[in-house]
Amino acid sequence: MVTERNFIKAWENRRLVAGAIKSAGVRADYQDYADLLQDGVLIYAGMLEESSGEDIDKLAFKKIFWHTLDELRKTQRRSERNEEINNETELGTAEVD
């Protein structure tokens, strides 16, 4: 459980989170940018909760960066699967005609 103090500290340092998301290649006009930013702040707050204080910013930056890349990959896989399903549906109706 993240304490309010650590969450506020993470929110105040959201530039670090935004920088990690930006370095992953996500622009501010991306449709899920706010969700990624919120996830990043939560990750950072969780790391503040567990940390001993040494290089937490560098570790949090890397963790947020990789989490963002993972989320982008999941989104890409989902859209590819949906595209395959749509193509199969279109092929099925073409064969019936």
C-alpha atoms as a PDB file:
ATOM      1  CA  MET A   1       0.000   0.000   0.000  1.00  0.00           C
ATOM      2  CA  VAL A   2       1.342   3.390  -0.984  1.00  0.00           C
ATOM      3  CA  THR A   3       1.238   6.112   1.629  1.00  0.00           C
ATOM      4  CA  GLU A   4      -0.194   9.508   0.828  1.00  0.00           C
ATOM      5  CA  ARG A   5       3.195  11.159   1.427  1.00  0.00           C
ATOM      6  CA  ASN A   6       4.942   8.991  -1.167  1.00  0.00           C
ATOM      7  CA  PHE A   7       2.117   9.452  -3.658  1.00  0.00           C
ATOM      8  CA  ILE A   8       2.304  13.238  -3.291  1.00  0.00           C
ATOM      9  CA  LYS A   9       6.079  13.110  -3.705  1.00  0.00           C
ATOM     10  CA  ALA A  10       5.696  11.031  -6.867  1.00  0.00           C
ATOM     11  CA  TRP A  11       3.040  13.404  -8.225  1.00  0.00           C
ATOM     12  CA  GLU A  12       5.272  16.407  -7.580  1.00  0.00           C
ATOM     13  CA  ASN A  13       8.066  14.665  -9.480  1.00  0.00           C
ATOM     14  CA  ARG A  14       5.878  13.702 -12.455  1.00  0.00           C
ATOM     15  CA  ARG A  15       8.407  15.320 -14.795  1.00  0.00           C
ATOM     16  CA  LEU A  16      10.535  12.223 -14.251  1.00  0.00           C
ATOM     17  CA  VAL A  17       7.564  10.048 -15.179  1.00  0.00           C
ATOM     18  CA  ALA A  18       6.781  12.145 -18.255  1.00  0.00           C
ATOM     19  CA  GLY A  19      10.436  11.979 -19.286  1.00  0.00           C
ATOM     20  CA  ALA A  20      10.468   8.190 -19.049  1.00  0.00           C
ATOM     21  CA  ILE A  21       7.286   7.965 -21.115  1.00  0.00           C
ATOM     22  CA  LYS A  22       8.691  10.395 -23.671  1.00  0.00           C
ATOM     23  CA  SER A  23      11.930   8.417 -23.978  1.00  0.00           C
ATOM     24  CA  ALA A  24       9.801   5.341 -24.728  1.00  0.00           C
ATOM     25  CA  GLY A  25       8.512   7.212 -27.772  1.00  0.00           C
ATOM     26  CA  VAL A  26       5.090   8.281 -26.522  1.00  0.00           C
ATOM     27  CA  ARG A  27       3.983  11.828 -27.305  1.00  0.00           C
ATOM     28  CA  ALA A  28       1.608  13.847 -25.155  1.00  0.00           C
ATOM     29  CA  ASP A  29      -1.136  13.639 -27.806  1.00  0.00           C
ATOM     30  CA  TYR A  30      -1.216   9.815 -27.688  1.00  0.00           C
ATOM     31  CA  GLN A  31      -4.697   8.584 -26.782  1.00  0.00           C
ATOM     32  CA  ASP A  32      -3.547   6.598 -23.715  1.00  0.00           C
ATOM     33  CA  TYR A  33      -0.946   9.116 -22.505  1.00  0.00           C
ATOM     34  CA  ALA A  34      -2.887  10.016 -19.344  1.00  0.00           C
ATOM     35  CA  ASP A  35      -3.216   6.339 -18.420  1.00  0.00           C
ATOM     36  CA  LEU A  36       0.506   5.759 -18.918  1.00  0.00           C
ATOM     37  CA  LEU A  37       1.302   8.849 -16.837  1.00  0.00           C
ATOM     38  CA  GLN A  38      -0.954   7.651 -14.036  1.00  0.00           C
ATOM     39  CA  ASP A  39       0.617   4.170 -14.130  1.00  0.00           C
ATOM     40  CA  GLY A  40       4.053   5.756 -14.007  1.00  0.00           C
ATOM     41  CA  VAL A  41       3.200   7.879 -10.983  1.00  0.00           C
ATOM     42  CA  LEU A  42       1.858   4.797  -9.193  1.00  0.00           C
ATOM     43  CA  ILE A  43       5.001   2.809 -10.044  1.00  0.00           C
ATOM     44  CA  TYR A  44       7.184   5.651  -8.805  1.00  0.00           C
ATOM     45  CA  ALA A  45       5.192   5.985  -5.567  1.00  0.00           C
ATOM     46  CA  GLY A  46       5.451   2.230  -5.012  1.00  0.00           C
ATOM     47  CA  MET A  47       9.186   2.344  -5.504  1.00  0.00           C
ATOM     48  CA  LEU A  48       9.471   5.232  -3.039  1.00  0.00           C
ATOM     49  CA  GLU A  49       7.599   3.075  -0.549  1.00  0.00           C
ATOM     50  CA  GLU A  50       9.991   0.139  -0.959  1.00  0.00           C
ATOM     51  CA  SER A  51      13.255   2.018  -1.471  1.00  0.00           C
ATOM     52  CA  SER A  52      16.149   2.672   0.789  1.00  0.00           C
ATOM     53  CA  GLY A  53      16.734   6.012  -0.943  1.00  0.00           C
ATOM     54  CA  GLU A  54      19.731   5.305  -3.173  1.00  0.00           C
ATOM     55  CA  ASP A  55      19.343   6.135  -6.877  1.00  0.00           C
ATOM     56  CA  ILE A  56      15.584   5.711  -6.682  1.00  0.00           C
ATOM     57  CA  ASP A  57      15.047   8.216  -9.483  1.00  0.00           C
ATOM     58  CA  LYS A  58      17.235   6.290 -11.942  1.00  0.00           C
ATOM     59  CA  LEU A  59      15.636   2.971 -11.047  1.00  0.00           C
ATOM     60  CA  ALA A  60      12.123   4.426 -11.239  1.00  0.00           C
ATOM     61  CA  PHE A  61      12.904   5.993 -14.632  1.00  0.00           C
ATOM     62  CA  LYS A  62      14.016   2.618 -16.015  1.00  0.00           C
ATOM     63  CA  LYS A  63      11.070   0.758 -14.530  1.00  0.00           C
ATOM     64  CA  ILE A  64       8.562   3.275 -15.912  1.00  0.00           C
ATOM     65  CA  PHE A  65      10.317   3.190 -19.293  1.00  0.00           C
ATOM     66  CA  TRP A  66      10.073  -0.592 -19.551  1.00  0.00           C
ATOM     67  CA  HIS A  67       6.511  -0.658 -18.232  1.00  0.00           C
ATOM     68  CA  THR A  68       5.535   1.850 -20.927  1.00  0.00           C
ATOM     69  CA  LEU A  69       7.156  -0.258 -23.645  1.00  0.00           C
ATOM     70  CA  ASP A  70       5.347  -3.345 -22.364  1.00  0.00           C
ATOM     71  CA  GLU A  71       2.006  -1.527 -22.443  1.00  0.00           C
ATOM     72  CA  LEU A  72       2.662  -0.310 -25.993  1.00  0.00           C
ATOM     73  CA  ARG A  73       3.482  -3.871 -27.079  1.00  0.00           C
ATOM     74  CA  LYS A  74       0.270  -5.170 -25.504  1.00  0.00           C
ATOM     75  CA  THR A  75      -1.740  -2.517 -27.327  1.00  0.00           C
ATOM     76  CA  GLN A  76      -0.045  -3.361 -30.607  1.00  0.00           C
ATOM     77  CA  ARG A  77      -0.692  -7.098 -30.172  1.00  0.00           C
ATOM     78  CA  ARG A  78      -4.349  -6.433 -29.360  1.00  0.00           C
ATOM     79  CA  SER A  79      -4.835  -4.293 -32.449  1.00  0.00           C
ATOM     80  CA  GLU A  80      -3.085  -6.873 -34.648  1.00  0.00           C
ATOM     81  CA  ARG A  81      -5.365  -9.624 -33.318  1.00  0.00           C
ATOM     82  CA  ASN A  82      -8.432  -7.481 -33.915  1.00  0.00           C
ATOM     83  CA  GLU A  83      -7.247  -6.754 -37.436  1.00  0.00           C
ATOM     84  CA  GLU A  84      -6.794 -10.486 -38.102  1.00  0.00           C
ATOM     85  CA  ILE A  85     -10.307 -11.179 -36.848  1.00  0.00           C
ATOM     86  CA  ASN A  86     -11.724  -8.416 -39.039  1.00  0.00           C
ATOM     87  CA  ASN A  87      -9.846  -9.758 -42.070  1.00  0.00           C
ATOM     88  CA  GLU A  88     -11.128 -13.293 -41.423  1.00  0.00           C
ATOM     89  CA  THR A  89     -14.679 -11.996 -41.156  1.00  0.00           C
ATOM     90  CA  GLU A  90     -14.356 -10.114 -44.440  1.00  0.00           C
ATOM     91  CA  LEU A  91     -12.889 -13.176 -46.177  1.00  0.00           C
ATOM     92  CA  GLY A  92     -15.753 -15.341 -44.862  1.00  0.00           C
ATOM     93  CA  THR A  93     -18.395 -13.070 -46.345  1.00  0.00           C
ATOM     94  CA  ALA A  94     -16.536 -12.824 -49.658  1.00  0.00           C
ATOM     95  CA  GLU A  95     -16.498 -16.615 -50.020  1.00  0.00           C
ATOM     96  CA  VAL A  96     -20.248 -16.857 -49.342  1.00  0.00           C
ATOM     97  CA  ASP A  97     -21.062 -14.310 -52.039  1.00  0.00           C
END
